[in-house]
Amino acid sequence: MTGILALAIPYGMSDLIPELARLSPRQRLDLIEAHWESLDDKDVPLTEAQRAELDRRIAGFERDQQQSISWDRLSAELRQRR
């Protein structure tokens, strides 16, 4: 994956597409995940409906924390399943 990211500097995005297509599905998913995690909340625009849904879910989490798990815990559990 590091080699592909290094290509992004001297080449345009359209030049990367054939290189990215050669990655395995797992490598492409890892690249997507790394790219997604590099974004700040302000970089991801939300519609009013999405914001309302997130607010609803956060309120539900806060009401019943005994039945909820944190994103860090869920993420760690999912990574162990790979």
N, C-alpha and C. Protein backbone atom coordinates (compact mmCIF):
# COMPACT_ATOMS: atom_id res chain seq x y z
N MET A 1 0.83 -1.18 0.00
CA MET A 1 0.00 0.00 0.00
C MET A 1 0.87 1.25 0.00
N THR A 2 1.97 1.24 0.67
CA THR A 2 2.83 2.41 0.73
C THR A 2 3.32 2.79 -0.66
N GLY A 3 3.64 1.80 -1.49
CA GLY A 3 4.09 2.08 -2.85
C GLY A 3 3.04 2.80 -3.66
N ILE A 4 1.78 2.41 -3.51
CA ILE A 4 0.69 3.07 -4.22
C ILE A 4 0.56 4.51 -3.76
N LEU A 5 0.64 4.74 -2.46
CA LEU A 5 0.53 6.11 -1.94
C LEU A 5 1.69 6.96 -2.42
N ALA A 6 2.86 6.37 -2.53
CA ALA A 6 4.02 7.11 -3.02
C ALA A 6 3.82 7.53 -4.47
N LEU A 7 3.08 6.74 -5.24
CA LEU A 7 2.80 7.09 -6.63
C LEU A 7 1.92 8.32 -6.76
N ALA A 8 1.12 8.58 -5.73
CA ALA A 8 0.18 9.70 -5.79
C ALA A 8 0.90 11.04 -5.89
N ILE A 9 2.12 11.12 -5.42
CA ILE A 9 2.84 12.39 -5.43
C ILE A 9 3.25 12.78 -6.85
N PRO A 10 3.97 11.91 -7.60
CA PRO A 10 4.40 12.34 -8.93
C PRO A 10 3.34 12.18 -10.02
N TYR A 11 2.30 11.42 -9.79
CA TYR A 11 1.31 11.14 -10.82
C TYR A 11 -0.05 11.72 -10.45
N GLY A 12 -0.86 11.97 -11.46
CA GLY A 12 -2.23 12.40 -11.22
C GLY A 12 -3.09 11.22 -10.82
N MET A 13 -4.27 11.51 -10.30
CA MET A 13 -5.17 10.45 -9.85
C MET A 13 -5.53 9.49 -10.99
N SER A 14 -5.76 10.01 -12.20
CA SER A 14 -6.14 9.12 -13.30
C SER A 14 -5.02 8.14 -13.64
N ASP A 15 -3.79 8.53 -13.37
CA ASP A 15 -2.66 7.61 -13.60
C ASP A 15 -2.62 6.49 -12.56
N LEU A 16 -3.23 6.73 -11.41
CA LEU A 16 -3.21 5.72 -10.34
C LEU A 16 -4.24 4.62 -10.53
N ILE A 17 -5.29 4.89 -11.28
CA ILE A 17 -6.39 3.93 -11.39
C ILE A 17 -5.92 2.54 -11.82
N PRO A 18 -5.10 2.41 -12.85
CA PRO A 18 -4.63 1.06 -13.21
C PRO A 18 -3.81 0.40 -12.10
N GLU A 19 -3.02 1.21 -11.39
CA GLU A 19 -2.22 0.66 -10.29
C GLU A 19 -3.11 0.19 -9.15
N LEU A 20 -4.11 0.98 -8.84
CA LEU A 20 -5.03 0.61 -7.76
C LEU A 20 -5.82 -0.64 -8.11
N ALA A 21 -6.15 -0.81 -9.38
CA ALA A 21 -6.90 -1.98 -9.81
C ALA A 21 -6.11 -3.27 -9.61
N ARG A 22 -4.80 -3.16 -9.54
CA ARG A 22 -3.96 -4.35 -9.34
C ARG A 22 -3.90 -4.81 -7.88
N LEU A 23 -4.37 -3.96 -6.98
CA LEU A 23 -4.37 -4.33 -5.56
C LEU A 23 -5.42 -5.40 -5.30
N SER A 24 -5.19 -6.19 -4.28
CA SER A 24 -6.18 -7.18 -3.87
C SER A 24 -7.38 -6.45 -3.26
N PRO A 25 -8.53 -7.11 -3.19
CA PRO A 25 -9.67 -6.47 -2.52
C PRO A 25 -9.33 -6.02 -1.09
N ARG A 26 -8.60 -6.84 -0.35
CA ARG A 26 -8.23 -6.49 1.02
C ARG A 26 -7.37 -5.24 1.03
N GLN A 27 -6.39 -5.15 0.11
CA GLN A 27 -5.53 -3.98 0.04
C GLN A 27 -6.33 -2.73 -0.32
N ARG A 28 -7.27 -2.87 -1.24
CA ARG A 28 -8.10 -1.73 -1.62
C ARG A 28 -8.96 -1.27 -0.45
N LEU A 29 -9.52 -2.23 0.30
CA LEU A 29 -10.32 -1.87 1.48
C LEU A 29 -9.45 -1.19 2.54
N ASP A 30 -8.24 -1.69 2.74
CA ASP A 30 -7.33 -1.05 3.69
C ASP A 30 -6.99 0.37 3.26
N LEU A 31 -6.81 0.57 1.96
CA LEU A 31 -6.53 1.90 1.44
C LEU A 31 -7.72 2.83 1.65
N ILE A 32 -8.92 2.33 1.38
CA ILE A 32 -10.13 3.12 1.61
C ILE A 32 -10.23 3.50 3.08
N GLU A 33 -10.00 2.53 3.96
CA GLU A 33 -10.10 2.80 5.39
C GLU A 33 -9.08 3.85 5.83
N ALA A 34 -7.85 3.73 5.36
CA ALA A 34 -6.82 4.70 5.74
C ALA A 34 -7.18 6.09 5.21
N HIS A 35 -7.69 6.13 4.01
CA HIS A 35 -8.07 7.40 3.41
C HIS A 35 -9.24 8.02 4.19
N TRP A 36 -10.24 7.21 4.51
CA TRP A 36 -11.42 7.69 5.26
C TRP A 36 -11.00 8.24 6.62
N GLU A 37 -10.14 7.49 7.31
CA GLU A 37 -9.72 7.90 8.65
C GLU A 37 -8.87 9.16 8.63
N SER A 38 -8.33 9.52 7.47
CA SER A 38 -7.52 10.73 7.38
C SER A 38 -8.38 11.99 7.32
N LEU A 39 -9.69 11.83 7.14
CA LEU A 39 -10.59 12.98 7.04
C LEU A 39 -11.03 13.45 8.42
N ASP A 40 -11.19 14.75 8.56
CA ASP A 40 -11.78 15.33 9.77
C ASP A 40 -13.29 15.34 9.60
N ASP A 41 -14.02 15.44 10.71
CA ASP A 41 -15.48 15.51 10.64
C ASP A 41 -15.95 16.63 9.72
N LYS A 42 -15.26 17.75 9.76
CA LYS A 42 -15.67 18.89 8.94
C LYS A 42 -15.48 18.64 7.44
N ASP A 43 -14.68 17.63 7.09
CA ASP A 43 -14.43 17.30 5.69
C ASP A 43 -15.56 16.48 5.06
N VAL A 44 -16.45 15.95 5.89
CA VAL A 44 -17.51 15.06 5.42
C VAL A 44 -18.86 15.77 5.57
N PRO A 45 -19.39 16.30 4.47
CA PRO A 45 -20.67 17.01 4.58
C PRO A 45 -21.82 16.05 4.86
N LEU A 46 -22.76 16.49 5.67
CA LEU A 46 -23.93 15.69 6.01
C LEU A 46 -25.19 16.44 5.61
N THR A 47 -26.17 15.67 5.18
CA THR A 47 -27.48 16.27 4.94
C THR A 47 -28.17 16.46 6.29
N GLU A 48 -29.23 17.22 6.30
CA GLU A 48 -30.00 17.40 7.54
C GLU A 48 -30.54 16.06 8.03
N ALA A 49 -30.97 15.20 7.11
CA ALA A 49 -31.49 13.88 7.49
C ALA A 49 -30.40 13.03 8.13
N GLN A 50 -29.19 13.07 7.57
CA GLN A 50 -28.08 12.31 8.15
C GLN A 50 -27.72 12.85 9.54
N ARG A 51 -27.69 14.17 9.67
CA ARG A 51 -27.38 14.77 10.97
C ARG A 51 -28.44 14.37 12.01
N ALA A 52 -29.71 14.40 11.60
CA ALA A 52 -30.81 14.02 12.51
C ALA A 52 -30.67 12.56 12.93
N GLU A 53 -30.31 11.69 11.98
CA GLU A 53 -30.14 10.26 12.31
C GLU A 53 -28.98 10.05 13.27
N LEU A 54 -27.87 10.74 13.02
CA LEU A 54 -26.74 10.64 13.95
C LEU A 54 -27.11 11.13 15.34
N ASP A 55 -27.82 12.26 15.40
CA ASP A 55 -28.26 12.78 16.70
C ASP A 55 -29.17 11.79 17.41
N ARG A 56 -30.07 11.13 16.65
CA ARG A 56 -30.97 10.13 17.22
C ARG A 56 -30.18 8.96 17.79
N ARG A 57 -29.19 8.50 17.04
CA ARG A 57 -28.39 7.35 17.49
C ARG A 57 -27.54 7.71 18.71
N ILE A 58 -26.97 8.90 18.71
CA ILE A 58 -26.18 9.34 19.87
C ILE A 58 -27.07 9.42 21.11
N ALA A 59 -28.27 9.97 20.95
CA ALA A 59 -29.20 10.06 22.08
C ALA A 59 -29.55 8.67 22.59
N GLY A 60 -29.77 7.73 21.69
CA GLY A 60 -30.06 6.35 22.10
C GLY A 60 -28.90 5.72 22.84
N PHE A 61 -27.70 5.97 22.37
CA PHE A 61 -26.50 5.47 23.04
C PHE A 61 -26.39 6.04 24.45
N GLU A 62 -26.61 7.34 24.55
CA GLU A 62 -26.49 8.00 25.86
C GLU A 62 -27.56 7.54 26.84
N ARG A 63 -28.76 7.19 26.34
CA ARG A 63 -29.84 6.70 27.21
C ARG A 63 -29.55 5.31 27.73
N ASP A 64 -28.91 4.48 26.94
CA ASP A 64 -28.75 3.07 27.30
C ASP A 64 -27.31 2.61 27.05
N GLN A 65 -26.39 3.20 27.76
CA GLN A 65 -24.99 2.86 27.56
C GLN A 65 -24.65 1.43 27.96
N GLN A 66 -25.45 0.82 28.81
CA GLN A 66 -25.21 -0.57 29.22
C GLN A 66 -25.31 -1.53 28.04
N GLN A 67 -26.18 -1.21 27.08
CA GLN A 67 -26.39 -2.08 25.92
C GLN A 67 -25.51 -1.69 24.72
N SER A 68 -24.75 -0.63 24.87
CA SER A 68 -23.95 -0.11 23.77
C SER A 68 -22.47 -0.40 23.99
N ILE A 69 -21.72 -0.43 22.87
CA ILE A 69 -20.28 -0.55 22.96
C ILE A 69 -19.67 0.61 22.16
N SER A 70 -18.46 0.97 22.52
CA SER A 70 -17.80 2.09 21.85
C SER A 70 -17.33 1.68 20.46
N TRP A 71 -17.10 2.69 19.61
CA TRP A 71 -16.58 2.42 18.26
C TRP A 71 -15.21 1.75 18.36
N ASP A 72 -14.36 2.19 19.29
CA ASP A 72 -13.03 1.60 19.43
C ASP A 72 -13.13 0.10 19.73
N ARG A 73 -14.05 -0.27 20.61
CA ARG A 73 -14.23 -1.69 20.96
C ARG A 73 -14.77 -2.47 19.76
N LEU A 74 -15.79 -1.92 19.09
CA LEU A 74 -16.35 -2.60 17.93
C LEU A 74 -15.31 -2.75 16.83
N SER A 75 -14.57 -1.70 16.57
CA SER A 75 -13.53 -1.74 15.54
C SER A 75 -12.48 -2.80 15.86
N ALA A 76 -12.07 -2.86 17.12
CA ALA A 76 -11.08 -3.87 17.53
C ALA A 76 -11.63 -5.28 17.35
N GLU A 77 -12.90 -5.49 17.70
CA GLU A 77 -13.51 -6.81 17.54
C GLU A 77 -13.60 -7.19 16.06
N LEU A 78 -13.94 -6.24 15.22
CA LEU A 78 -14.03 -6.52 13.78
C LEU A 78 -12.67 -6.83 13.17
N ARG A 79 -11.65 -6.13 13.63
CA ARG A 79 -10.30 -6.38 13.13
C ARG A 79 -9.82 -7.79 13.52
N GLN A 80 -10.22 -8.27 14.69
CA GLN A 80 -9.83 -9.60 15.13
C GLN A 80 -10.47 -10.68 14.27
N ARG A 81 -11.61 -10.39 13.67
CA ARG A 81 -12.32 -11.38 12.84
C ARG A 81 -11.69 -11.57 11.47
N ARG A 82 -10.85 -10.62 11.05
CA ARG A 82 -10.24 -10.69 9.71
C ARG A 82 -9.37 -11.88 9.58
